Protein backbone atom coordinates (compact mmCIF):
# COMPACT_ATOMS: atom_id res chain seq x y z
CA MET A 1 19.80 5.78 20.10
CA LYS A 2 18.83 4.54 23.56
CA GLN A 3 15.16 4.73 22.85
CA ILE A 4 14.00 1.57 21.23
CA ARG A 5 10.41 1.68 22.12
CA TRP A 6 7.90 4.42 21.19
CA ASN A 7 7.88 7.43 23.41
CA LEU A 8 4.06 7.67 23.65
CA ALA A 9 4.31 10.38 26.21
CA LEU A 10 4.05 12.73 23.16
CA LEU A 11 0.41 11.73 23.25
CA PHE A 12 -0.26 10.49 26.92
CA ASP A 13 1.74 9.59 29.96
CA GLY A 14 0.34 5.99 30.08
CA ASP A 15 -2.68 3.81 29.59
CA ASP A 16 -4.35 5.22 32.79
CA ASP A 17 -3.50 9.01 32.27
CA PRO A 18 -6.41 10.89 33.67
CA SER A 19 -6.16 13.34 30.72
CA ILE A 20 -7.42 10.66 28.33
CA GLU A 21 -11.03 11.16 29.33
CA GLY A 22 -10.68 14.93 29.31
CA ASN A 23 -9.26 14.65 25.67
CA ARG A 24 -12.35 12.61 24.64
CA LYS A 25 -14.73 15.19 26.11
CA ILE A 26 -12.93 17.95 24.27
CA VAL A 27 -13.16 16.00 20.99
CA GLU A 28 -16.86 15.36 21.57
CA LYS A 29 -17.41 19.06 22.39
CA LYS A 30 -15.54 20.36 19.37
CA SER A 31 -17.21 17.79 16.98
CA TYR A 32 -20.82 18.68 18.05
CA GLU A 33 -19.97 22.37 18.01
CA PHE A 34 -19.34 21.98 14.28
CA ILE A 35 -22.07 19.53 13.66
CA ASN A 36 -24.80 21.51 15.43
CA LYS A 37 -23.68 24.76 13.85
CA TRP A 38 -23.81 23.54 10.19
CA LYS A 39 -26.22 20.48 10.02
CA ASP A 40 -29.28 22.60 9.47
CA ARG A 41 -27.73 25.28 7.35
CA LYS A 42 -27.72 25.49 3.53
CA ASP A 43 -26.07 28.89 3.03
CA TYR A 44 -22.62 27.33 2.67
CA LEU A 45 -23.92 25.35 -0.28
CA GLU A 46 -24.87 28.48 -2.06
CA LYS A 47 -22.32 31.28 -1.15
CA PRO A 48 -18.42 30.61 -1.63
CA SER A 49 -17.65 32.95 1.27
CA VAL A 50 -19.79 31.00 3.66
CA LEU A 51 -18.22 27.65 2.53
CA ARG A 52 -14.78 29.11 3.14
CA GLN A 53 -15.78 29.84 6.71
CA ALA A 54 -17.22 26.35 7.11
CA LEU A 55 -14.17 24.70 5.47
CA ASP A 56 -11.88 26.69 7.86
CA GLU A 57 -13.73 25.45 10.88
CA TYR A 58 -13.87 21.77 9.46
CA GLU A 59 -10.07 22.01 8.69
CA SER A 60 -9.33 23.17 12.24
CA TRP A 61 -11.49 20.28 13.64
CA LYS A 62 -9.65 17.73 11.31
CA LYS A 63 -6.17 19.16 12.42
CA ASP A 64 -6.59 19.02 16.07
CA TYR A 65 -9.38 16.64 16.99
CA GLY A 66 -10.99 14.58 14.23
CA SER A 67 -13.41 11.82 15.46
CA ASP A 68 -11.07 10.25 17.97
CA GLY A 69 -8.43 12.87 18.98
CA ASP A 70 -5.16 11.56 20.57
CA GLU A 71 -7.01 8.72 22.35
CA GLY A 72 -7.79 6.82 19.17
CA TYR A 73 -4.29 7.07 17.85
CA TYR A 74 -2.78 6.32 21.30
CA PHE A 75 -4.71 3.10 21.76
CA TRP A 76 -4.27 1.97 18.20
CA LEU A 77 -0.47 2.30 18.68
CA ARG A 78 -0.55 0.48 22.09
CA TYR A 79 -2.57 -2.40 20.56
CA ALA A 80 0.06 -2.73 17.82
CA GLN A 81 2.69 -3.09 20.68
CA ASP A 82 0.70 -5.75 22.48
CA GLN A 83 -2.21 -7.46 20.63
CA ASN A 84 -2.57 -9.99 23.45
CA ASP A 85 -3.69 -7.47 26.05
CA PRO A 86 -7.40 -7.60 26.28
CA LYS A 87 -7.57 -4.19 28.16
CA LEU A 88 -5.78 -2.39 25.28
CA LYS A 89 -8.26 -4.00 22.76
CA ALA A 90 -11.10 -2.93 24.87
CA HIS A 91 -9.81 0.62 25.18
CA PHE A 92 -9.36 0.65 21.38
CA ASN A 93 -12.88 -0.80 20.77
CA LYS A 94 -14.46 1.82 22.91
CA ILE A 95 -12.82 4.78 21.36
CA GLU A 96 -13.52 3.18 17.89
CA ALA A 97 -17.32 3.10 18.63
CA PHE A 98 -17.09 6.66 19.92
CA SER A 99 -15.35 7.68 16.81
CA LYS A 100 -17.87 5.91 14.43
CA LYS A 101 -20.84 7.85 15.79
CA ILE A 102 -19.13 11.25 15.34
CA GLU A 103 -18.09 10.15 11.77
CA ASN A 104 -21.66 9.10 11.02
CA ASP A 105 -23.10 12.45 12.38
CA ILE A 106 -20.60 14.64 10.51
CA GLN A 107 -20.70 12.87 7.12
CA PHE A 108 -23.69 15.23 6.01
CA PHE A 109 -20.99 17.95 5.44
CA TYR A 110 -19.15 16.00 2.93
CA LEU A 111 -22.17 14.59 1.19
CA ARG A 112 -23.95 17.85 0.89
CA ILE A 113 -20.99 19.59 -0.61
CA ALA A 114 -20.88 16.73 -3.15
CA LYS A 115 -24.44 17.62 -4.17
CA ILE A 116 -23.72 21.22 -5.10
CA PRO A 117 -25.17 21.23 -8.69
CA GLU A 118 -22.56 20.85 -11.39
CA GLU A 119 -23.54 24.15 -12.93
CA LYS A 120 -22.51 26.01 -9.63
CA GLN A 121 -19.36 24.14 -8.98
CA ASN A 122 -17.14 26.48 -10.89
CA LEU A 123 -18.37 29.39 -8.76
CA PHE A 124 -16.80 27.67 -5.75
CA LEU A 125 -13.70 26.29 -7.56
CA GLU A 126 -12.88 29.75 -8.95
CA TYR A 127 -13.37 31.74 -5.76
CA ARG A 128 -10.06 33.10 -4.54
CA GLY A 129 -10.98 32.58 -0.92
CA LEU A 130 -11.30 28.94 -1.45
CA LYS A 131 -7.91 28.46 -3.27
CA ASP A 132 -6.44 26.49 -0.31
CA TYR A 133 -9.36 23.98 -0.52
CA ARG A 134 -9.66 23.88 -4.37
CA HIS A 135 -8.43 20.27 -4.81
CA PHE A 136 -10.27 19.12 -1.78
CA LEU A 137 -13.53 20.34 -3.54
CA GLU A 138 -12.35 19.00 -6.92
CA ARG A 139 -12.06 15.51 -5.39
CA ILE A 140 -15.42 15.76 -3.75
CA PHE A 141 -17.11 16.86 -7.04
CA ALA A 142 -15.34 14.14 -9.03
CA GLU A 143 -16.83 11.53 -6.69
CA ALA A 144 -20.25 13.22 -6.51
CA LYS A 145 -21.16 12.00 -10.03
CA TYR A 146 -21.36 8.50 -8.64
CA LEU A 147 -22.81 9.20 -5.31
CA LEU A 148 -26.42 8.28 -4.54
CA THR A 149 -28.65 10.04 -2.04
CA GLU A 150 -27.81 10.00 1.71
CA PRO A 151 -30.40 7.19 2.55
CA GLU A 152 -29.19 5.12 -0.61
CA GLU A 153 -25.55 5.48 0.55
CA LYS A 154 -26.51 4.34 3.97
CA ILE A 155 -28.25 1.18 2.51
CA LEU A 156 -25.05 0.34 0.47
CA ASN A 157 -22.99 0.58 3.43
CA LEU A 158 -25.29 -1.71 5.44
CA LYS A 159 -25.50 -4.31 2.69
CA SER A 160 -21.65 -4.21 2.15
CA PRO A 161 -20.81 -6.76 4.92
CA THR A 162 -23.37 -9.37 3.81
CA SER A 163 -22.70 -8.90 0.17
CA HIS A 164 -19.00 -8.65 0.29
CA SER A 165 -16.83 -8.54 3.38
CA ASN A 166 -18.47 -11.55 5.19
CA TRP A 167 -17.77 -13.62 2.24
CA VAL A 168 -14.18 -12.55 2.10
CA LYS A 169 -13.74 -13.04 5.78
CA MET A 170 -15.15 -16.49 5.48
CA ILE A 171 -12.74 -17.64 2.90
CA SER A 172 -9.69 -16.09 4.71
CA GLY A 173 -10.95 -17.64 7.98
CA PHE A 174 -11.22 -21.21 6.43
CA LEU A 175 -7.66 -20.86 5.03
CA ALA A 176 -6.24 -19.60 8.28
CA LYS A 177 -7.57 -22.59 10.20
CA GLU A 178 -6.00 -25.03 7.90
CA GLU A 179 -2.97 -27.19 8.85
CA ARG A 180 -0.96 -29.85 7.12
CA SER A 181 2.00 -32.05 7.97
CA ILE A 182 5.13 -30.93 5.91
CA ILE A 183 8.82 -31.48 5.82
CA LEU A 184 10.95 -28.85 7.37
CA ASP A 185 14.54 -27.70 6.36
CA ASP A 186 16.01 -29.80 9.19
CA GLY A 187 14.22 -33.02 7.88
CA ARG A 188 11.62 -33.16 10.50
CA ARG A 189 7.99 -33.50 9.52
CA GLU A 190 5.60 -31.27 11.54
CA SER A 191 2.15 -29.84 11.25
CA ARG A 192 2.14 -26.24 10.12
CA THR A 193 -0.36 -23.48 9.61
CA PHE A 194 -1.42 -22.19 6.18
CA SER A 195 0.82 -19.06 6.28
CA ASP A 196 3.73 -21.26 7.48
CA ILE A 197 3.19 -23.63 4.58
CA LEU A 198 3.28 -20.57 2.19
CA SER A 199 6.67 -19.48 3.53
CA GLN A 200 8.25 -22.97 3.35
CA MET A 201 7.73 -22.78 -0.51
CA ASN A 202 10.62 -20.51 -0.55
CA SER A 203 12.99 -23.12 1.04
CA LYS A 204 16.23 -23.76 -0.82
CA LYS A 205 15.71 -27.49 -0.42
CA LYS A 206 13.56 -28.70 -3.38
CA ASN A 207 11.94 -31.54 -1.33
CA VAL A 208 10.76 -29.12 1.31
CA ARG A 209 9.28 -26.56 -1.01
CA ASP A 210 7.65 -29.28 -3.12
CA ALA A 211 6.07 -30.86 -0.01
CA ALA A 212 4.87 -27.43 1.02
CA ALA A 213 3.36 -26.77 -2.38
CA LYS A 214 1.53 -30.20 -2.43
CA ALA A 215 -0.03 -29.20 1.05
CA PHE A 216 -0.70 -25.67 -0.07
CA ASN A 217 -2.54 -26.73 -3.30
CA ASP A 218 -4.48 -29.45 -1.39
CA ILE A 219 -5.84 -26.67 1.07
CA LEU A 220 -6.74 -24.54 -1.86
CA ASP A 221 -8.47 -27.32 -3.72
CA LYS A 222 -10.39 -28.21 -0.62
CA HIS A 223 -12.00 -24.69 -0.55
CA ALA A 224 -12.19 -24.06 -4.35
CA ASP A 225 -16.17 -24.74 -4.60
CA VAL A 226 -16.73 -22.30 -1.70
CA ALA A 227 -14.27 -19.75 -3.11
CA GLU A 228 -16.11 -20.11 -6.48
CA ALA A 229 -19.38 -18.95 -4.78
CA GLU A 230 -17.65 -16.40 -2.89
CA MET A 231 -16.03 -14.73 -5.94
CA ASN A 232 -19.19 -14.80 -7.94
CA SER A 233 -21.08 -13.09 -4.99
CA VAL A 234 -18.60 -10.28 -4.67
CA LEU A 235 -18.43 -9.80 -8.40
CA ALA A 236 -22.20 -9.69 -8.68
CA ASN A 237 -22.25 -7.13 -5.77
CA LYS A 238 -19.81 -4.98 -7.61
CA LYS A 239 -21.71 -5.08 -10.66
CA VAL A 240 -24.93 -3.98 -8.79
CA ASP A 241 -23.05 -1.13 -7.10
CA ASP A 242 -21.72 -0.02 -10.39
CA GLU A 243 -24.98 -0.13 -12.14
CA LEU A 244 -26.60 1.86 -9.40
CA ARG A 245 -23.84 4.48 -9.58
CA LYS A 246 -23.88 4.38 -13.43
CA VAL A 247 -20.23 3.60 -13.59
CA TYR A 248 -19.15 2.74 -17.14
CA ARG A 249 -16.02 0.60 -16.29
CA PRO A 250 -15.39 -1.52 -13.20
CA ASP A 251 -12.12 0.11 -12.20
CA LEU A 252 -13.34 3.74 -12.48
CA ILE A 253 -14.36 4.07 -8.74
CA ARG A 254 -10.80 2.96 -7.67
CA HIS A 255 -9.30 5.57 -9.91
CA ILE A 256 -11.55 8.36 -8.62
CA SER A 257 -10.80 7.22 -5.08
CA ASP A 258 -6.98 7.37 -5.89
CA ASP A 259 -7.19 10.77 -7.58
CA ILE A 260 -5.93 9.36 -10.83
CA ASP A 261 -7.15 9.51 -14.33
CA SER A 262 -8.00 6.32 -15.98
CA LYS A 263 -5.89 7.22 -18.93
CA ILE A 264 -2.77 7.25 -16.64
CA VAL A 265 -3.53 3.67 -15.23
CA ASP A 266 -4.21 2.43 -18.76
CA ALA A 267 -0.89 3.93 -20.02
CA LEU A 268 0.88 2.20 -17.16
CA ILE A 269 -0.73 -1.08 -17.64
CA LYS A 270 0.00 -1.03 -21.41
CA THR A 271 3.63 -0.02 -21.02
CA VAL A 272 4.50 -2.67 -18.33
CA SER A 273 2.59 -5.31 -20.40
CA ASP A 274 4.59 -4.49 -23.54
CA ARG A 275 7.73 -5.20 -21.66
CA PHE A 276 6.91 -8.55 -20.02
CA ASP A 277 10.06 -9.75 -21.69
CA ILE A 278 11.95 -8.18 -18.78
CA SER A 279 10.18 -10.38 -16.10
CA SER A 280 10.39 -13.38 -18.26
CA GLY A 281 14.06 -12.74 -18.79
CA TYR A 282 14.70 -12.59 -14.99
CA TYR A 283 12.90 -16.07 -14.50
CA ALA A 284 15.00 -17.33 -17.28
CA LEU A 285 18.01 -16.17 -15.48
CA LYS A 286 16.93 -17.48 -12.08
CA ALA A 287 16.29 -21.04 -13.66
CA ARG A 288 19.88 -21.05 -14.90
CA LEU A 289 21.42 -19.97 -11.78
CA LEU A 290 19.42 -22.64 -9.83
CA LYS A 291 20.55 -25.27 -12.32
CA VAL A 292 16.97 -26.23 -13.32
CA ARG A 293 15.49 -26.37 -16.87
CA LYS A 294 12.31 -24.61 -15.76
CA LEU A 295 10.96 -23.23 -12.42
CA LYS A 296 7.64 -24.54 -11.05
CA TYR A 297 5.06 -21.78 -10.35
CA HIS A 298 5.59 -22.16 -6.62
CA GLU A 299 9.34 -21.78 -6.94
CA ARG A 300 9.39 -18.39 -8.42
CA ASN A 301 10.41 -16.56 -5.21
CA VAL A 302 13.09 -19.07 -4.13
CA GLU A 303 16.03 -17.10 -2.99
CA TYR A 304 19.23 -17.34 -4.93
CA GLY A 305 22.59 -17.33 -3.06
CA ASN A 306 23.19 -16.61 0.55
CA ILE A 307 22.80 -13.29 2.26
CA SER A 308 24.26 -13.90 5.85
CA ARG A 309 25.82 -10.45 6.53
CA LYS A 310 24.32 -9.13 9.80
CA TYR A 311 23.00 -5.41 10.03
CA PRO A 312 22.49 -4.41 13.72
CA TYR A 313 20.01 -1.68 14.37
CA LYS A 314 22.59 1.06 15.24
CA GLU A 315 24.72 0.17 12.22
CA SER A 316 21.62 0.29 10.08
CA VAL A 317 20.63 3.74 11.30
CA LYS A 318 24.13 5.09 10.77
CA LEU A 319 24.32 3.72 7.18
CA ILE A 320 20.88 5.12 6.40
CA ARG A 321 21.56 8.58 7.84
CA ASN A 322 24.78 8.87 5.69
CA VAL A 323 22.81 8.01 2.65
CA PHE A 324 20.06 10.52 3.49
CA GLN A 325 22.63 13.26 4.25
CA ASN A 326 24.20 12.81 0.71
CA ILE A 327 20.72 12.90 -0.99
CA ASP A 328 19.43 15.93 1.01
CA SER A 329 20.48 17.20 4.54
CA SER A 330 16.67 17.73 5.47
CA PHE A 331 16.17 13.89 5.21
CA ALA A 332 18.89 13.22 7.74
CA GLU A 333 17.41 16.05 9.93
CA ILE A 334 14.13 14.44 10.07
CA LEU A 335 15.64 10.98 10.96
CA ASP A 336 17.56 12.63 13.81
CA ARG A 337 14.35 14.13 15.10
CA PHE A 338 12.64 10.80 15.01
CA LEU A 339 15.42 9.27 16.92
CA SER A 340 15.58 11.96 19.67
CA ASN A 341 11.91 12.01 20.13
CA GLY A 342 11.56 8.16 20.53
CA GLN A 343 9.40 7.61 17.39
CA PHE A 344 10.71 4.07 16.69
CA ASP A 345 9.58 0.75 18.16
CA VAL A 346 12.50 -1.33 17.01
CA TYR A 347 12.68 -5.06 18.07
CA PRO A 348 10.16 -7.97 17.96
CA GLY A 349 8.16 -8.63 21.09
CA LYS A 350 5.57 -10.92 22.40
CA GLY A 351 2.19 -9.94 21.19
CA LYS A 352 3.68 -7.18 18.92
CA SER A 353 2.28 -6.67 15.45
CA SER A 354 4.29 -8.42 12.70
CA GLY A 355 5.90 -6.66 9.87
CA ALA A 356 6.48 -3.00 9.87
CA PHE A 357 4.62 0.36 9.22
CA CYS A 358 4.77 4.09 9.40
CA ALA A 359 1.86 5.41 11.28
CA HIS A 360 0.24 8.86 11.10
CA HIS A 361 -3.28 10.12 11.94
CA LEU A 362 -4.08 13.81 12.33
CA ILE A 363 -1.56 16.33 10.99
CA SER A 364 -0.96 17.77 14.48
CA GLN A 365 0.05 14.28 15.89
CA PRO A 366 3.72 12.75 15.61
CA THR A 367 4.59 10.07 13.11
CA TYR A 368 5.60 6.59 14.63
CA ILE A 369 7.46 3.72 12.99
CA LEU A 370 7.03 0.15 13.90
CA LEU A 371 9.91 -2.40 13.12
CA ASN A 372 10.66 -5.97 13.89
CA HIS A 373 14.51 -5.64 13.43
CA THR A 374 16.38 -8.82 13.49
CA ASP A 375 19.62 -7.59 11.80
CA ARG A 376 18.91 -9.03 8.36
CA LEU A 377 19.49 -7.07 5.16
CA ASN A 378 15.85 -6.79 4.59
CA ASP A 379 15.44 -5.15 7.98
CA VAL A 380 17.85 -2.35 6.95
CA LEU A 381 15.79 -1.78 3.64
CA THR A 382 12.51 -1.85 5.63
CA LEU A 383 13.73 0.71 7.83
CA ALA A 384 14.80 2.88 4.86
CA HIS A 385 11.24 2.22 3.34
CA GLU A 386 9.38 3.30 6.49
CA LEU A 387 11.51 6.25 6.93
CA GLY A 388 10.66 7.22 3.33
CA HIS A 389 6.94 7.39 4.40
CA GLY A 390 7.90 9.26 7.58
CA ILE A 391 9.88 11.88 5.74
CA ASN A 392 6.98 12.22 3.14
CA ASN A 393 4.57 12.87 6.15
CA GLU A 394 6.79 15.48 7.69
CA LEU A 395 7.25 17.34 4.33
CA ILE A 396 3.57 17.49 3.88
CA LYS A 397 3.02 18.80 7.28
CA GLU A 398 5.39 21.67 6.65
CA LYS A 399 3.34 22.86 3.57
CA GLN A 400 -0.23 21.72 3.64
CA ASN A 401 -3.40 22.13 5.64
CA ALA A 402 -5.19 19.18 7.33
CA LEU A 403 -7.56 18.52 4.43
CA ASN A 404 -4.55 18.01 2.09
CA PHE A 405 -2.65 15.82 4.60
CA GLY A 406 -2.01 12.35 3.02
CA THR A 407 -0.92 10.79 -0.22
CA PRO A 408 -3.10 9.25 -2.93
CA ILE A 409 -2.59 5.34 -3.12
CA SER A 410 -1.23 5.72 -6.62
CA THR A 411 1.80 7.44 -5.38
CA ALA A 412 1.88 6.39 -1.68
CA GLU A 413 4.85 4.10 -2.19
CA VAL A 414 7.03 6.62 -4.16
CA ALA A 415 8.91 8.11 -1.19
CA SER A 416 9.49 4.79 0.51
CA THR A 417 10.86 2.99 -2.49
CA PHE A 418 12.96 6.04 -3.41
CA MET A 419 14.78 6.01 -0.10
CA GLU A 420 15.12 2.16 0.09
CA ASP A 421 16.75 1.98 -3.36
CA PHE A 422 19.35 4.63 -2.62
CA VAL A 423 20.22 2.83 0.64
CA LEU A 424 20.51 -0.62 -1.29
CA GLN A 425 22.85 0.96 -3.84
CA GLU A 426 25.05 2.12 -0.93
CA ILE A 427 25.13 -1.56 0.42
CA LEU A 428 25.90 -2.87 -2.97
CA LYS A 429 29.05 -0.70 -3.07
CA LYS A 430 30.57 -2.48 -0.16
CA ALA A 431 29.56 -6.13 -1.20
CA ASP A 432 31.99 -8.53 -2.85
CA ASP A 433 30.86 -10.18 -6.12
CA ASP A 434 29.04 -13.16 -4.72
CA LEU A 435 27.10 -11.22 -2.14
CA ARG A 436 26.40 -8.56 -4.88
CA LEU A 437 24.95 -11.09 -7.05
CA SER A 438 22.66 -12.45 -4.31
CA ILE A 439 21.45 -8.99 -3.43
CA MET A 440 20.92 -8.08 -7.11
CA MET A 441 18.80 -11.26 -7.70
CA MET A 442 16.73 -10.49 -4.41
CA ARG A 443 16.06 -7.08 -5.64
CA LEU A 444 15.06 -8.13 -9.10
CA ASN A 445 12.65 -10.76 -7.44
CA ASP A 446 11.08 -7.78 -5.46
CA GLU A 447 10.84 -5.49 -8.50
CA VAL A 448 9.42 -8.10 -10.76
CA SER A 449 6.81 -9.05 -8.13
CA THR A 450 5.96 -5.42 -7.39
CA ILE A 451 5.55 -4.29 -10.96
CA PHE A 452 5.06 -7.10 -13.47
CA ARG A 453 3.18 -9.47 -11.25
CA GLN A 454 0.80 -6.75 -10.04
CA VAL A 455 0.11 -5.53 -13.53
CA ALA A 456 -0.61 -9.00 -14.56
CA CYS A 457 -2.96 -9.35 -11.66
CA TYR A 458 -4.70 -6.12 -12.57
CA ARG A 459 -5.28 -7.38 -16.19
CA PHE A 460 -6.68 -10.54 -14.66
CA GLU A 461 -8.96 -8.55 -12.54
CA GLN A 462 -10.12 -6.56 -15.55
CA GLN A 463 -11.01 -9.61 -17.54
CA LEU A 464 -12.70 -11.46 -14.47
CA HIS A 465 -15.01 -8.48 -14.10
CA GLN A 466 -15.64 -8.35 -17.89
CA ASP A 467 -16.24 -12.11 -18.32
CA PHE A 468 -18.58 -12.17 -15.30
CA ARG A 469 -20.61 -9.39 -16.64
CA HIS A 470 -20.87 -11.09 -20.02
CA LYS A 471 -21.47 -14.64 -18.81
CA GLY A 472 -23.44 -14.10 -15.57
CA TYR A 473 -21.43 -16.75 -13.65
CA LEU A 474 -17.82 -18.12 -13.60
CA SER A 475 -16.88 -21.58 -12.55
CA LYS A 476 -13.68 -22.25 -10.53
CA ASP A 477 -12.30 -23.75 -13.81
CA ASP A 478 -13.09 -20.56 -15.63
CA ILE A 479 -11.37 -18.35 -13.07
CA GLY A 480 -8.42 -20.81 -12.78
CA LYS A 481 -7.89 -20.81 -16.53
CA LEU A 482 -8.06 -17.03 -16.76
CA PHE A 483 -5.67 -16.69 -13.78
CA ARG A 484 -3.09 -18.92 -15.39
CA GLU A 485 -3.11 -17.24 -18.71
CA HIS A 486 -2.36 -13.82 -17.05
CA MET A 487 0.35 -15.29 -14.77
CA ALA A 488 1.99 -17.15 -17.67
CA ALA A 489 2.01 -13.84 -19.66
CA TYR A 490 4.42 -12.05 -17.30
CA MET A 491 6.44 -15.15 -16.22
CA GLY A 492 7.35 -16.54 -19.71
CA ASP A 493 8.43 -19.93 -20.74
CA ALA A 494 10.95 -20.43 -17.90
CA VAL A 495 8.22 -21.00 -15.34
CA VAL A 496 5.78 -23.96 -15.57
CA GLN A 497 2.22 -23.20 -14.65
CA SER A 498 2.28 -26.40 -12.52
CA SER A 499 -0.68 -28.50 -11.40
CA GLY A 500 -2.53 -26.58 -8.50
CA SER A 501 -1.45 -23.00 -9.57
CA GLU A 502 -4.97 -22.61 -11.17
CA ASN A 503 -6.27 -22.08 -7.61
CA TRP A 504 -3.93 -19.51 -6.35
CA TRP A 505 -6.36 -16.66 -6.99
CA ILE A 506 -8.28 -18.18 -3.94
CA TYR A 507 -5.97 -16.80 -1.34
CA TRP A 508 -4.95 -13.50 -3.10
CA GLY A 509 -6.80 -11.03 -0.94
CA HIS A 510 -5.93 -7.99 -3.10
CA ILE A 511 -8.38 -8.92 -5.76
CA ARG A 512 -11.11 -8.62 -3.41
CA SER A 513 -10.27 -5.01 -2.83
CA PHE A 514 -10.70 -4.45 -6.55
CA PHE A 515 -8.10 -2.88 -8.87
CA TYR A 516 -5.78 -1.76 -6.06
CA VAL A 517 -2.66 -3.60 -7.17
CA TYR A 518 -1.64 -1.28 -9.97
CA SER A 519 -0.57 1.30 -7.28
CA TYR A 520 2.40 -1.04 -6.34
CA ALA A 521 3.67 -0.77 -9.92
CA SER A 522 2.95 3.02 -10.26
CA GLY A 523 4.70 3.81 -6.95
CA LEU A 524 7.96 1.79 -7.70
CA LEU A 525 8.11 3.06 -11.42
CA ILE A 526 7.60 6.82 -10.52
CA SER A 527 10.29 6.36 -7.74
CA LYS A 528 12.71 4.72 -10.21
CA SER A 529 12.12 7.44 -12.78
CA LEU A 530 12.72 10.15 -10.25
CA GLN A 531 15.86 8.30 -8.99
CA LYS A 532 17.32 8.16 -12.38
CA THR A 533 16.85 11.90 -12.82
CA VAL A 534 18.38 12.69 -9.37
CA LYS A 535 21.56 10.45 -10.21
CA GLU A 536 21.92 12.59 -13.56
CA ASN A 537 21.18 15.89 -11.84
CA SER A 538 21.54 16.24 -8.13
CA HIS A 539 19.72 19.48 -8.04
CA PHE A 540 16.52 17.68 -9.17
CA ILE A 541 16.07 16.56 -5.45
CA GLU A 542 14.41 19.97 -4.89
CA LYS A 543 11.67 18.95 -7.48
CA VAL A 544 11.30 15.54 -5.60
CA LYS A 545 10.82 17.37 -2.35
CA GLU A 546 8.14 19.52 -4.02
CA PHE A 547 6.29 16.53 -5.01
CA LEU A 548 6.82 14.96 -1.60
CA SER A 549 5.33 17.97 0.20
CA ALA A 550 2.39 18.42 -2.15
CA GLY A 551 0.16 15.79 -0.45
CA LEU A 552 -3.38 15.96 -1.48
CA SER A 553 -3.34 19.50 -2.73
CA SER A 554 -3.45 18.64 -6.39
CA SER A 555 -3.70 15.43 -8.59
CA PRO A 556 -0.62 13.39 -9.14
CA GLU A 557 -0.85 14.27 -12.83
CA ASN A 558 -0.92 18.04 -12.16
CA ILE A 559 1.72 17.90 -9.46
CA PHE A 560 4.06 16.07 -11.96
CA ARG A 561 3.16 18.45 -14.72
CA ARG A 562 4.38 21.35 -12.60
CA LEU A 563 7.76 19.40 -12.39
CA GLY A 564 7.93 19.07 -16.14
CA ILE A 565 6.79 15.36 -16.13
CA ASP A 566 4.00 13.96 -18.08
CA ILE A 567 2.79 10.62 -16.43
CA THR A 568 0.09 10.11 -19.10
CA ASP A 569 3.02 9.46 -21.51
CA GLN A 570 4.24 6.01 -21.85
CA SER A 571 7.77 7.01 -22.17
CA PHE A 572 7.71 8.22 -18.51
CA TRP A 573 6.81 4.69 -17.44
CA ASP A 574 9.44 3.30 -19.84
CA LYS A 575 12.10 5.31 -17.97
CA GLY A 576 11.51 3.37 -14.84
CA LEU A 577 11.24 0.07 -16.59
CA ASP A 578 14.75 0.90 -18.25
CA GLU A 579 16.14 0.87 -14.65
CA VAL A 580 14.78 -2.53 -13.92
CA GLU A 581 16.16 -3.89 -17.26
CA SER A 582 19.48 -2.22 -16.65
CA LEU A 583 19.65 -4.11 -13.28
CA LEU A 584 18.74 -7.39 -15.11
CA GLN A 585 21.54 -6.88 -17.78
CA GLU A 586 24.02 -6.02 -14.98
CA THR A 587 23.16 -9.11 -13.12
CA MET A 588 23.35 -11.38 -16.07
CA LYS A 589 26.90 -9.89 -16.81
CA LEU A 590 27.98 -10.45 -13.15
CA ALA A 591 26.66 -14.06 -13.20
CA LYS A 592 28.67 -14.75 -16.29
CA LYS A 593 31.81 -13.06 -14.85
CA LEU A 594 31.46 -15.41 -11.91
CA GLY A 595 31.17 -18.48 -14.09
CA LYS A 596 27.55 -19.28 -12.89
CA PHE A 597 26.62 -20.46 -16.37
């Protein structure tokens, strides 16, 4: 427990470790040994036995070296510790440029496998010697239908910044520069940045959050005309890309990339949409508890109650370890290993990256967890969340090769929310009724935002692309009207779509990444469904571990089918939604018991 900063000696002995240069030379040597051996050969595209040899060598390279080795990981982590140090940024930029060249030089291997003719693909998929790489090949072949030639793919990559990312950066840059004078909780009026203004809308003081909303809406309105041009440009670029790739629905490429069938996402979206009464019921409850007839749009995240209990880091670790031990001893053992090896960076610091994350890179490298622990309840849950990712990584390392190391976006949040919820349930056991009500409302707010809001956003995205392709151009009023309709659908009558809310799509960055947001809902609902089964049958944890160790070795649909679960069936998603509805009902009963209404 003494180690509260990352022990990066697991990679290098310091920023000036002389072995860093040696590591880079080895990475370069091993990379070009592979590249030079296979770049002019075609036999691995014709004979399964030769492809097995090539993939063994590729997997070995991917396991121990990759395109940047330990150096890239080390300086990425160091930069996260101190973003103000120009030397660290310079180191990271240099190794990134080094890595990019290798990635460009080695991409032929993936692209040429993808172009194996469809009539020959089964020859490779059924070859016993390629069993360990079967799903790696299946993923490549699934994507191959929509890949263009190597020169054409290069052109699409080169035009992407000018047609997409530069537009998106422009809008986010404009917003980040904005400041407005607002009222603070202590009554003072001061100038605050865009992100600060956003956070002030969650103030418990109505005059503070209303003033912040006025300033926030003013900023969005100022940039609405430019955002209209930006959104139409990125929608047009997506349409062109889809037409070139002959994609029949705008969200298909996302699903292929996430290794999930469109029918599963469709089932998820429909099931959640059919139960928007849960989210609207939550907002109705919140309005009653806050003693208002209706909430304004910007008030939807206002915290109810007061969660003042402190959770120091050592106490948090002890609590989480006990929970993990009760679920499965291997989870506690992984936590102990992380602690003894110094794989946590615990407290906030000058220049340190904000928020929290669980970092992994090559399968042969250690997992590291970054925190900014300030003794709040959310910090305990964040620690449990990131440890869920860490445990997921370690279980995959035990069972999979380097080409199967990782998780599809569609299930990436399962382990994290699974662990987080079990820890929260332990905390609730020891809370008095008032604290319990506050925590339950906080949890409901998180779950409504993660599941129902993201599904509403996904539906907004679907219609946005559909309407653009039908009309050819969408005005800011068209987009705003569409946005309001979908937000109102999940919020219900207890939330007023107040003036200014029609522009909130302008700052919602996820919709520029296209159809990503469903994964928040899928991850949490899968997690809740698994939790419910584990509570009913503790032995089912072995099945959960089987799923967590599967990595990219098969599609989520097939992994769950082996566990006896059909994620194409709406009843599976309903099982997770039942857990949210149960929490809502329990919260309403507690509020009535306490005489809150």
